[in-house]
Amino acid sequence: MFDLIKKTLLTGVGLAVMTKDKVEELGKEFASQAKLSELEGKEFVDHLLKQSETARKDFESRINSVVQKAVSGLNLASKDEVARLSAKVEELTAKLPSSKETSA
């Protein structure tokens, strides 16, 4: 029963977005209600924190992947392409005769 409850607590996006303090609070509360020893409670909280960090990193990675796919599908110019084009525009602008030369 304890393992089932523990696994339930560790699943889903909820744990990934919880703050460290909230995860610790939740773990301590559960450890107290489950009448765990101080050592078991500490181990449980530590495990929750590790799982929370792993879930957060996995969540961020998945979100990043989805965003990258969406952005690449828009066919937008990259920063490097924009910088290269800006440099080319400056180069070509410098080659143009100045407005003073054309009015003379």
PDB file of N, CA and C in Angstrom:
ATOM      1  N   MET A   1       0.825  -1.194   0.000  1.00  0.00           N
ATOM      2  CA  MET A   1       0.000   0.000   0.000  1.00  0.00           C
ATOM      3  C   MET A   1       0.868   1.256   0.000  1.00  0.00           C
ATOM      4  N   PHE A   2       1.914   1.247   0.844  1.00  0.00           N
ATOM      5  CA  PHE A   2       2.812   2.396   0.923  1.00  0.00           C
ATOM      6  C   PHE A   2       3.456   2.661  -0.434  1.00  0.00           C
ATOM      7  N   ASP A   3       3.911   1.592  -1.120  1.00  0.00           N
ATOM      8  CA  ASP A   3       4.541   1.772  -2.434  1.00  0.00           C
ATOM      9  C   ASP A   3       3.563   2.349  -3.445  1.00  0.00           C
ATOM     10  N   LEU A   4       2.331   1.915  -3.403  1.00  0.00           N
ATOM     11  CA  LEU A   4       1.323   2.436  -4.321  1.00  0.00           C
ATOM     12  C   LEU A   4       1.109   3.929  -4.100  1.00  0.00           C
ATOM     13  N   ILE A   5       0.985   4.317  -2.857  1.00  0.00           N
ATOM     14  CA  ILE A   5       0.796   5.742  -2.540  1.00  0.00           C
ATOM     15  C   ILE A   5       2.037   6.528  -2.945  1.00  0.00           C
ATOM     16  N   LYS A   6       3.206   5.962  -2.676  1.00  0.00           N
ATOM     17  CA  LYS A   6       4.466   6.623  -3.025  1.00  0.00           C
ATOM     18  C   LYS A   6       4.550   6.829  -4.539  1.00  0.00           C
ATOM     19  N   LYS A   7       4.232   5.803  -5.310  1.00  0.00           N
ATOM     20  CA  LYS A   7       4.274   5.914  -6.771  1.00  0.00           C
ATOM     21  C   LYS A   7       3.259   6.933  -7.268  1.00  0.00           C
ATOM     22  N   THR A   8       2.113   6.955  -6.644  1.00  0.00           N
ATOM     23  CA  THR A   8       1.087   7.918  -7.030  1.00  0.00           C
ATOM     24  C   THR A   8       1.572   9.339  -6.803  1.00  0.00           C
ATOM     25  N   LEU A   9       2.246   9.558  -5.689  1.00  0.00           N
ATOM     26  CA  LEU A   9       2.780  10.889  -5.392  1.00  0.00           C
ATOM     27  C   LEU A   9       3.835  11.315  -6.398  1.00  0.00           C
ATOM     28  N   LEU A  10       4.574  10.360  -6.921  1.00  0.00           N
ATOM     29  CA  LEU A  10       5.698  10.680  -7.790  1.00  0.00           C
ATOM     30  C   LEU A  10       5.311  10.846  -9.256  1.00  0.00           C
ATOM     31  N   THR A  11       4.102  10.505  -9.616  1.00  0.00           N
ATOM     32  CA  THR A  11       3.719  10.571 -11.019  1.00  0.00           C
ATOM     33  C   THR A  11       3.119  11.914 -11.373  1.00  0.00           C
ATOM     34  N   GLY A  12       3.126  12.172 -12.670  1.00  0.00           N
ATOM     35  CA  GLY A  12       2.456  13.348 -13.199  1.00  0.00           C
ATOM     36  C   GLY A  12       3.282  14.604 -13.181  1.00  0.00           C
ATOM     37  N   VAL A  13       2.746  15.584 -13.816  1.00  0.00           N
ATOM     38  CA  VAL A  13       3.392  16.881 -13.942  1.00  0.00           C
ATOM     39  C   VAL A  13       3.379  17.627 -12.623  1.00  0.00           C
ATOM     40  N   GLY A  14       2.444  17.347 -11.764  1.00  0.00           N
ATOM     41  CA  GLY A  14       2.335  18.061 -10.496  1.00  0.00           C
ATOM     42  C   GLY A  14       3.619  18.067  -9.705  1.00  0.00           C
ATOM     43  N   LEU A  15       4.258  16.928  -9.592  1.00  0.00           N
ATOM     44  CA  LEU A  15       5.505  16.847  -8.845  1.00  0.00           C
ATOM     45  C   LEU A  15       6.612  17.624  -9.544  1.00  0.00           C
ATOM     46  N   ALA A  16       6.571  17.656 -10.858  1.00  0.00           N
ATOM     47  CA  ALA A  16       7.608  18.353 -11.620  1.00  0.00           C
ATOM     48  C   ALA A  16       7.570  19.854 -11.391  1.00  0.00           C
ATOM     49  N   VAL A  17       6.400  20.386 -11.128  1.00  0.00           N
ATOM     50  CA  VAL A  17       6.290  21.839 -10.994  1.00  0.00           C
ATOM     51  C   VAL A  17       6.200  22.313  -9.545  1.00  0.00           C
ATOM     52  N   MET A  18       6.245  21.372  -8.617  1.00  0.00           N
ATOM     53  CA  MET A  18       6.218  21.755  -7.204  1.00  0.00           C
ATOM     54  C   MET A  18       7.553  22.366  -6.798  1.00  0.00           C
ATOM     55  N   THR A  19       7.488  23.307  -5.885  1.00  0.00           N
ATOM     56  CA  THR A  19       8.718  23.874  -5.349  1.00  0.00           C
ATOM     57  C   THR A  19       9.342  22.877  -4.383  1.00  0.00           C
ATOM     58  N   LYS A  20      10.621  23.054  -4.128  1.00  0.00           N
ATOM     59  CA  LYS A  20      11.335  22.172  -3.203  1.00  0.00           C
ATOM     60  C   LYS A  20      10.668  22.191  -1.832  1.00  0.00           C
ATOM     61  N   ASP A  21      10.307  23.376  -1.368  1.00  0.00           N
ATOM     62  CA  ASP A  21       9.668  23.494  -0.054  1.00  0.00           C
ATOM     63  C   ASP A  21       8.350  22.733  -0.006  1.00  0.00           C
ATOM     64  N   LYS A  22       7.578  22.826  -1.071  1.00  0.00           N
ATOM     65  CA  LYS A  22       6.282  22.152  -1.114  1.00  0.00           C
ATOM     66  C   LYS A  22       6.466  20.632  -1.129  1.00  0.00           C
ATOM     67  N   VAL A  23       7.459  20.153  -1.890  1.00  0.00           N
ATOM     68  CA  VAL A  23       7.734  18.715  -1.927  1.00  0.00           C
ATOM     69  C   VAL A  23       8.156  18.233  -0.543  1.00  0.00           C
ATOM     70  N   GLU A  24       9.036  18.997   0.118  1.00  0.00           N
ATOM     71  CA  GLU A  24       9.465  18.625   1.472  1.00  0.00           C
ATOM     72  C   GLU A  24       8.282  18.603   2.434  1.00  0.00           C
ATOM     73  N   GLU A  25       7.447  19.613   2.339  1.00  0.00           N
ATOM     74  CA  GLU A  25       6.272  19.695   3.217  1.00  0.00           C
ATOM     75  C   GLU A  25       5.350  18.500   2.991  1.00  0.00           C
ATOM     76  N   LEU A  26       5.095  18.183   1.734  1.00  0.00           N
ATOM     77  CA  LEU A  26       4.232  17.057   1.393  1.00  0.00           C
ATOM     78  C   LEU A  26       4.831  15.747   1.899  1.00  0.00           C
ATOM     79  N   GLY A  27       6.134  15.577   1.693  1.00  0.00           N
ATOM     80  CA  GLY A  27       6.811  14.360   2.139  1.00  0.00           C
ATOM     81  C   GLY A  27       6.782  14.206   3.641  1.00  0.00           C
ATOM     82  N   LYS A  28       7.045  15.292   4.360  1.00  0.00           N
ATOM     83  CA  LYS A  28       7.035  15.240   5.831  1.00  0.00           C
ATOM     84  C   LYS A  28       5.635  14.940   6.352  1.00  0.00           C
ATOM     85  N   GLU A  29       4.648  15.554   5.726  1.00  0.00           N
ATOM     86  CA  GLU A  29       3.263  15.316   6.147  1.00  0.00           C
ATOM     87  C   GLU A  29       2.888  13.853   5.935  1.00  0.00           C
ATOM     88  N   PHE A  30       3.248  13.324   4.767  1.00  0.00           N
ATOM     89  CA  PHE A  30       2.935  11.925   4.484  1.00  0.00           C
ATOM     90  C   PHE A  30       3.683  10.996   5.438  1.00  0.00           C
ATOM     91  N   ALA A  31       4.974  11.287   5.664  1.00  0.00           N
ATOM     92  CA  ALA A  31       5.779  10.455   6.567  1.00  0.00           C
ATOM     93  C   ALA A  31       5.171  10.447   7.963  1.00  0.00           C
ATOM     94  N   SER A  32       4.676  11.590   8.400  1.00  0.00           N
ATOM     95  CA  SER A  32       4.061  11.691   9.716  1.00  0.00           C
ATOM     96  C   SER A  32       2.778  10.865   9.774  1.00  0.00           C
ATOM     97  N   GLN A  33       1.951  10.999   8.757  1.00  0.00           N
ATOM     98  CA  GLN A  33       0.683  10.265   8.733  1.00  0.00           C
ATOM     99  C   GLN A  33       0.898   8.763   8.575  1.00  0.00           C
ATOM    100  N   ALA A  34       1.968   8.387   7.856  1.00  0.00           N
ATOM    101  CA  ALA A  34       2.260   6.963   7.661  1.00  0.00           C
ATOM    102  C   ALA A  34       3.031   6.390   8.847  1.00  0.00           C
ATOM    103  N   LYS A  35       3.305   7.249   9.838  1.00  0.00           N
ATOM    104  CA  LYS A  35       4.023   6.854  11.050  1.00  0.00           C
ATOM    105  C   LYS A  35       5.377   6.217  10.723  1.00  0.00           C
ATOM    106  N   LEU A  36       6.110   6.877   9.836  1.00  0.00           N
ATOM    107  CA  LEU A  36       7.450   6.412   9.489  1.00  0.00           C
ATOM    108  C   LEU A  36       8.434   6.882  10.549  1.00  0.00           C
ATOM    109  N   SER A  37       9.520   6.133  10.700  1.00  0.00           N
ATOM    110  CA  SER A  37      10.565   6.571  11.630  1.00  0.00           C
ATOM    111  C   SER A  37      11.201   7.839  11.058  1.00  0.00           C
ATOM    112  N   GLU A  38      11.983   8.516  11.890  1.00  0.00           N
ATOM    113  CA  GLU A  38      12.622   9.752  11.437  1.00  0.00           C
ATOM    114  C   GLU A  38      13.524   9.474  10.232  1.00  0.00           C
ATOM    115  N   LEU A  39      14.273   8.367  10.285  1.00  0.00           N
ATOM    116  CA  LEU A  39      15.163   8.005   9.181  1.00  0.00           C
ATOM    117  C   LEU A  39      14.363   7.682   7.921  1.00  0.00           C
ATOM    118  N   GLU A  40      13.300   6.888   8.073  1.00  0.00           N
ATOM    119  CA  GLU A  40      12.461   6.550   6.921  1.00  0.00           C
ATOM    120  C   GLU A  40      11.826   7.806   6.331  1.00  0.00           C
ATOM    121  N   GLY A  41      11.391   8.695   7.199  1.00  0.00           N
ATOM    122  CA  GLY A  41      10.795   9.944   6.733  1.00  0.00           C
ATOM    123  C   GLY A  41      11.787  10.784   5.956  1.00  0.00           C
ATOM    124  N   LYS A  42      13.018  10.883   6.471  1.00  0.00           N
ATOM    125  CA  LYS A  42      14.055  11.653   5.782  1.00  0.00           C
ATOM    126  C   LYS A  42      14.380  11.018   4.432  1.00  0.00           C
ATOM    127  N   GLU A  43      14.510   9.689   4.415  1.00  0.00           N
ATOM    128  CA  GLU A  43      14.793   8.990   3.158  1.00  0.00           C
ATOM    129  C   GLU A  43      13.661   9.201   2.157  1.00  0.00           C
ATOM    130  N   PHE A  44      12.432   9.163   2.646  1.00  0.00           N
ATOM    131  CA  PHE A  44      11.285   9.371   1.768  1.00  0.00           C
ATOM    132  C   PHE A  44      11.297  10.780   1.184  1.00  0.00           C
ATOM    133  N   VAL A  45      11.555  11.778   2.011  1.00  0.00           N
ATOM    134  CA  VAL A  45      11.607  13.167   1.540  1.00  0.00           C
ATOM    135  C   VAL A  45      12.741  13.334   0.536  1.00  0.00           C
ATOM    136  N   ASP A  46      13.910  12.755   0.828  1.00  0.00           N
ATOM    137  CA  ASP A  46      15.036  12.833  -0.108  1.00  0.00           C
ATOM    138  C   ASP A  46      14.672  12.193  -1.446  1.00  0.00           C
ATOM    139  N   HIS A  47      14.011  11.049  -1.366  1.00  0.00           N
ATOM    140  CA  HIS A  47      13.583  10.360  -2.592  1.00  0.00           C
ATOM    141  C   HIS A  47      12.588  11.224  -3.372  1.00  0.00           C
ATOM    142  N   LEU A  48      11.661  11.820  -2.663  1.00  0.00           N
ATOM    143  CA  LEU A  48      10.695  12.706  -3.320  1.00  0.00           C
ATOM    144  C   LEU A  48      11.394  13.868  -4.019  1.00  0.00           C
ATOM    145  N   LEU A  49      12.372  14.460  -3.350  1.00  0.00           N
ATOM    146  CA  LEU A  49      13.097  15.591  -3.934  1.00  0.00           C
ATOM    147  C   LEU A  49      13.850  15.172  -5.189  1.00  0.00           C
ATOM    148  N   LYS A  50      14.488  14.012  -5.152  1.00  0.00           N
ATOM    149  CA  LYS A  50      15.209  13.518  -6.336  1.00  0.00           C
ATOM    150  C   LYS A  50      14.235  13.250  -7.480  1.00  0.00           C
ATOM    151  N   GLN A  51      13.134  12.607  -7.165  1.00  0.00           N
ATOM    152  CA  GLN A  51      12.134  12.314  -8.192  1.00  0.00           C
ATOM    153  C   GLN A  51      11.536  13.599  -8.750  1.00  0.00           C
ATOM    154  N   SER A  52      11.334  14.575  -7.889  1.00  0.00           N
ATOM    155  CA  SER A  52      10.797  15.862  -8.319  1.00  0.00           C
ATOM    156  C   SER A  52      11.746  16.529  -9.306  1.00  0.00           C
ATOM    157  N   GLU A  53      13.030  16.513  -8.992  1.00  0.00           N
ATOM    158  CA  GLU A  53      14.035  17.118  -9.876  1.00  0.00           C
ATOM    159  C   GLU A  53      14.097  16.376 -11.212  1.00  0.00           C
ATOM    160  N   THR A  54      14.058  15.053 -11.164  1.00  0.00           N
ATOM    161  CA  THR A  54      14.065  14.253 -12.390  1.00  0.00           C
ATOM    162  C   THR A  54      12.825  14.552 -13.225  1.00  0.00           C
ATOM    163  N   ALA A  55      11.678  14.603 -12.585  1.00  0.00           N
ATOM    164  CA  ALA A  55      10.428  14.891 -13.297  1.00  0.00           C
ATOM    165  C   ALA A  55      10.451  16.291 -13.891  1.00  0.00           C
ATOM    166  N   ARG A  56      11.012  17.253 -13.151  1.00  0.00           N
ATOM    167  CA  ARG A  56      11.089  18.625 -13.652  1.00  0.00           C
ATOM    168  C   ARG A  56      11.976  18.700 -14.891  1.00  0.00           C
ATOM    169  N   LYS A  57      13.133  18.044 -14.836  1.00  0.00           N
ATOM    170  CA  LYS A  57      14.047  18.055 -15.981  1.00  0.00           C
ATOM    171  C   LYS A  57      13.412  17.385 -17.191  1.00  0.00           C
ATOM    172  N   ASP A  58      12.734  16.260 -16.964  1.00  0.00           N
ATOM    173  CA  ASP A  58      12.058  15.561 -18.053  1.00  0.00           C
ATOM    174  C   ASP A  58      10.955  16.433 -18.641  1.00  0.00           C
ATOM    175  N   PHE A  59      10.200  17.086 -17.784  1.00  0.00           N
ATOM    176  CA  PHE A  59       9.123  17.971 -18.227  1.00  0.00           C
ATOM    177  C   PHE A  59       9.687  19.117 -19.065  1.00  0.00           C
ATOM    178  N   GLU A  60      10.760  19.748 -18.582  1.00  0.00           N
ATOM    179  CA  GLU A  60      11.388  20.846 -19.322  1.00  0.00           C
ATOM    180  C   GLU A  60      11.902  20.368 -20.676  1.00  0.00           C
ATOM    181  N   SER A  61      12.501  19.189 -20.697  1.00  0.00           N
ATOM    182  CA  SER A  61      13.027  18.628 -21.941  1.00  0.00           C
ATOM    183  C   SER A  61      11.911  18.391 -22.952  1.00  0.00           C
ATOM    184  N   ARG A  62      10.813  17.843 -22.475  1.00  0.00           N
ATOM    185  CA  ARG A  62       9.680  17.587 -23.379  1.00  0.00           C
ATOM    186  C   ARG A  62       9.076  18.889 -23.899  1.00  0.00           C
ATOM    187  N   ILE A  63       8.935  19.864 -23.020  1.00  0.00           N
ATOM    188  CA  ILE A  63       8.395  21.161 -23.438  1.00  0.00           C
ATOM    189  C   ILE A  63       9.325  21.807 -24.450  1.00  0.00           C
ATOM    190  N   ASN A  64      10.630  21.757 -24.185  1.00  0.00           N
ATOM    191  CA  ASN A  64      11.613  22.325 -25.098  1.00  0.00           C
ATOM    192  C   ASN A  64      11.518  21.667 -26.472  1.00  0.00           C
ATOM    193  N   SER A  65      11.373  20.359 -26.489  1.00  0.00           N
ATOM    194  CA  SER A  65      11.255  19.619 -27.744  1.00  0.00           C
ATOM    195  C   SER A  65      10.010  20.040 -28.522  1.00  0.00           C
ATOM    196  N   VAL A  66       8.899  20.168 -27.825  1.00  0.00           N
ATOM    197  CA  VAL A  66       7.651  20.576 -28.477  1.00  0.00           C
ATOM    198  C   VAL A  66       7.777  21.992 -29.038  1.00  0.00           C
ATOM    199  N   VAL A  67       8.368  22.892 -28.264  1.00  0.00           N
ATOM    200  CA  VAL A  67       8.540  24.279 -28.714  1.00  0.00           C
ATOM    201  C   VAL A  67       9.470  24.328 -29.920  1.00  0.00           C
ATOM    202  N   GLN A  68      10.573  23.570 -29.875  1.00  0.00           N
ATOM    203  CA  GLN A  68      11.511  23.549 -31.000  1.00  0.00           C
ATOM    204  C   GLN A  68      10.825  23.051 -32.272  1.00  0.00           C
ATOM    205  N   LYS A  69      10.006  22.009 -32.149  1.00  0.00           N
ATOM    206  CA  LYS A  69       9.266  21.498 -33.307  1.00  0.00           C
ATOM    207  C   LYS A  69       8.327  22.559 -33.857  1.00  0.00           C
ATOM    208  N   ALA A  70       7.619  23.226 -32.972  1.00  0.00           N
ATOM    209  CA  ALA A  70       6.666  24.252 -33.397  1.00  0.00           C
ATOM    210  C   ALA A  70       7.382  25.400 -34.087  1.00  0.00           C
ATOM    211  N   VAL A  71       8.494  25.848 -33.525  1.00  0.00           N
ATOM    212  CA  VAL A  71       9.240  26.968 -34.103  1.00  0.00           C
ATOM    213  C   VAL A  71       9.841  26.576 -35.448  1.00  0.00           C
ATOM    214  N   SER A  72      10.393  25.372 -35.542  1.00  0.00           N
ATOM    215  CA  SER A  72      10.996  24.961 -36.812  1.00  0.00           C
ATOM    216  C   SER A  72       9.929  24.813 -37.894  1.00  0.00           C
ATOM    217  N   GLY A  73       8.724  24.482 -37.507  1.00  0.00           N
ATOM    218  CA  GLY A  73       7.629  24.379 -38.464  1.00  0.00           C
ATOM    219  C   GLY A  73       7.187  25.726 -39.007  1.00  0.00           C
ATOM    220  N   LEU A  74       7.522  26.800 -38.301  1.00  0.00           N
ATOM    221  CA  LEU A  74       7.160  28.143 -38.754  1.00  0.00           C
ATOM    222  C   LEU A  74       8.120  28.671 -39.811  1.00  0.00           C
ATOM    223  N   ASN A  75       9.248  27.985 -39.998  1.00  0.00           N
ATOM    224  CA  ASN A  75      10.240  28.363 -41.002  1.00  0.00           C
ATOM    225  C   ASN A  75      10.752  29.785 -40.782  1.00  0.00           C
ATOM    226  N   LEU A  76      11.071  30.110 -39.532  1.00  0.00           N
ATOM    227  CA  LEU A  76      11.603  31.426 -39.183  1.00  0.00           C
ATOM    228  C   LEU A  76      13.114  31.450 -39.367  1.00  0.00           C
ATOM    229  N   ALA A  77      13.643  32.639 -39.598  1.00  0.00           N
ATOM    230  CA  ALA A  77      15.090  32.794 -39.716  1.00  0.00           C
ATOM    231  C   ALA A  77      15.735  32.626 -38.341  1.00  0.00           C
ATOM    232  N   SER A  78      16.908  31.999 -38.342  1.00  0.00           N
ATOM    233  CA  SER A  78      17.641  31.836 -37.083  1.00  0.00           C
ATOM    234  C   SER A  78      18.397  33.120 -36.763  1.00  0.00           C
ATOM    235  N   LYS A  79      18.911  33.219 -35.544  1.00  0.00           N
ATOM    236  CA  LYS A  79      19.703  34.389 -35.146  1.00  0.00           C
ATOM    237  C   LYS A  79      20.912  34.539 -36.059  1.00  0.00           C
ATOM    238  N   ASP A  80      21.554  33.420 -36.392  1.00  0.00           N
ATOM    239  CA  ASP A  80      22.729  33.465 -37.267  1.00  0.00           C
ATOM    240  C   ASP A  80      22.364  33.983 -38.655  1.00  0.00           C
ATOM    241  N   GLU A  81      21.228  33.531 -39.179  1.00  0.00           N
ATOM    242  CA  GLU A  81      20.798  33.998 -40.504  1.00  0.00           C
ATOM    243  C   GLU A  81      20.491  35.491 -40.486  1.00  0.00           C
ATOM    244  N   VAL A  82      19.828  35.951 -39.443  1.00  0.00           N
ATOM    245  CA  VAL A  82      19.503  37.377 -39.328  1.00  0.00           C
ATOM    246  C   VAL A  82      20.784  38.198 -39.204  1.00  0.00           C
ATOM    247  N   ALA A  83      21.732  37.730 -38.406  1.00  0.00           N
ATOM    248  CA  ALA A  83      23.006  38.444 -38.244  1.00  0.00           C
ATOM    249  C   ALA A  83      23.766  38.493 -39.565  1.00  0.00           C
ATOM    250  N   ARG A  84      23.777  37.383 -40.293  1.00  0.00           N
ATOM    251  CA  ARG A  84      24.466  37.332 -41.585  1.00  0.00           C
ATOM    252  C   ARG A  84      23.819  38.297 -42.571  1.00  0.00           C
ATOM    253  N   LEU A  85      22.510  38.321 -42.615  1.00  0.00           N
ATOM    254  CA  LEU A  85      21.804  39.231 -43.520  1.00  0.00           C
ATOM    255  C   LEU A  85      22.008  40.689 -43.116  1.00  0.00           C
ATOM    256  N   SER A  86      22.021  40.966 -41.827  1.00  0.00           N
ATOM    257  CA  SER A  86      22.266  42.338 -41.359  1.00  0.00           C
ATOM    258  C   SER A  86      23.652  42.808 -41.778  1.00  0.00           C
ATOM    259  N   ALA A  87      24.632  41.934 -41.639  1.00  0.00           N
ATOM    260  CA  ALA A  87      25.996  42.284 -42.051  1.00  0.00           C
ATOM    261  C   ALA A  87      26.052  42.539 -43.551  1.00  0.00           C
ATOM    262  N   LYS A  88      25.330  41.739 -44.314  1.00  0.00           N
ATOM    263  CA  LYS A  88      25.312  41.912 -45.777  1.00  0.00           C
ATOM    264  C   LYS A  88      24.646  43.233 -46.145  1.00  0.00           C
ATOM    265  N   VAL A  89      23.558  43.583 -45.468  1.00  0.00           N
ATOM    266  CA  VAL A  89      22.869  44.856 -45.729  1.00  0.00           C
ATOM    267  C   VAL A  89      23.807  46.018 -45.419  1.00  0.00           C
ATOM    268  N   GLU A  90      24.515  45.935 -44.300  1.00  0.00           N
ATOM    269  CA  GLU A  90      25.470  46.997 -43.948  1.00  0.00           C
ATOM    270  C   GLU A  90      26.566  47.109 -45.001  1.00  0.00           C
ATOM    271  N   GLU A  91      27.055  45.970 -45.455  1.00  0.00           N
ATOM    272  CA  GLU A  91      28.106  45.952 -46.478  1.00  0.00           C
ATOM    273  C   GLU A  91      27.607  46.601 -47.767  1.00  0.00           C
ATOM    274  N   LEU A  92      26.424  46.238 -48.197  1.00  0.00           N
ATOM    275  CA  LEU A  92      25.871  46.797 -49.435  1.00  0.00           C
ATOM    276  C   LEU A  92      25.527  48.272 -49.277  1.00  0.00           C
ATOM    277  N   THR A  93      25.036  48.652 -48.105  1.00  0.00           N
ATOM    278  CA  THR A  93      24.714  50.056 -47.841  1.00  0.00           C
ATOM    279  C   THR A  93      25.980  50.905 -47.904  1.00  0.00           C
ATOM    280  N   ALA A  94      27.073  50.379 -47.397  1.00  0.00           N
ATOM    281  CA  ALA A  94      28.344  51.112 -47.418  1.00  0.00           C
ATOM    282  C   ALA A  94      28.836  51.317 -48.847  1.00  0.00           C
ATOM    283  N   LYS A  95      28.491  50.433 -49.755  1.00  0.00           N
ATOM    284  CA  LYS A  95      28.924  50.534 -51.152  1.00  0.00           C
ATOM    285  C   LYS A  95      28.093  51.537 -51.950  1.00  0.00           C
ATOM    286  N   LEU A  96      26.903  51.871 -51.452  1.00  0.00           N
ATOM    287  CA  LEU A  96      26.045  52.822 -52.159  1.00  0.00           C
ATOM    288  C   LEU A  96      26.640  54.221 -52.061  1.00  0.00           C
ATOM    289  N   PRO A  97      26.441  55.014 -53.114  1.00  0.00           N
ATOM    290  CA  PRO A  97      26.917  56.394 -53.021  1.00  0.00           C
ATOM    291  C   PRO A  97      26.105  57.135 -51.967  1.00  0.00           C
ATOM    292  N   SER A  98      26.759  58.030 -51.252  1.00  0.00           N
ATOM    293  CA  SER A  98      26.051  58.776 -50.212  1.00  0.00           C
ATOM    294  C   SER A  98      25.082  59.747 -50.858  1.00  0.00           C
ATOM    295  N   SER A  99      24.114  60.234 -50.107  1.00  0.00           N
ATOM    296  CA  SER A  99      23.113  61.158 -50.646  1.00  0.00           C
ATOM    297  C   SER A  99      23.752  62.476 -51.055  1.00  0.00           C
ATOM    298  N   LYS A 100      24.860  62.870 -50.436  1.00  0.00           N
ATOM    299  CA  LYS A 100      25.559  64.106 -50.797  1.00  0.00           C
ATOM    300  C   LYS A 100      26.178  63.976 -52.181  1.00  0.00           C
ATOM    301  N   GLU A 101      26.714  62.785 -52.482  1.00  0.00           N
ATOM    302  CA  GLU A 101      27.353  62.574 -53.778  1.00  0.00           C
ATOM    303  C   GLU A 101      26.335  62.583 -54.907  1.00  0.00           C
ATOM    304  N   THR A 102      25.145  62.061 -54.681  1.00  0.00           N
ATOM    305  CA  THR A 102      24.140  61.990 -55.733  1.00  0.00           C
ATOM    306  C   THR A 102      23.483  63.336 -55.983  1.00  0.00           C
ATOM    307  N   SER A 103      23.456  64.236 -55.012  1.00  0.00           N
ATOM    308  CA  SER A 103      22.817  65.535 -55.201  1.00  0.00           C
ATOM    309  C   SER A 103      23.762  66.535 -55.849  1.00  0.00           C
ATOM    310  N   ALA A 104      25.031  66.266 -55.950  1.00  0.00           N
ATOM    311  CA  ALA A 104      25.995  67.212 -56.507  1.00  0.00           C
ATOM    312  C   ALA A 104      26.061  67.178 -57.997  1.00  0.00           C
TER     313      ALA A 104
END
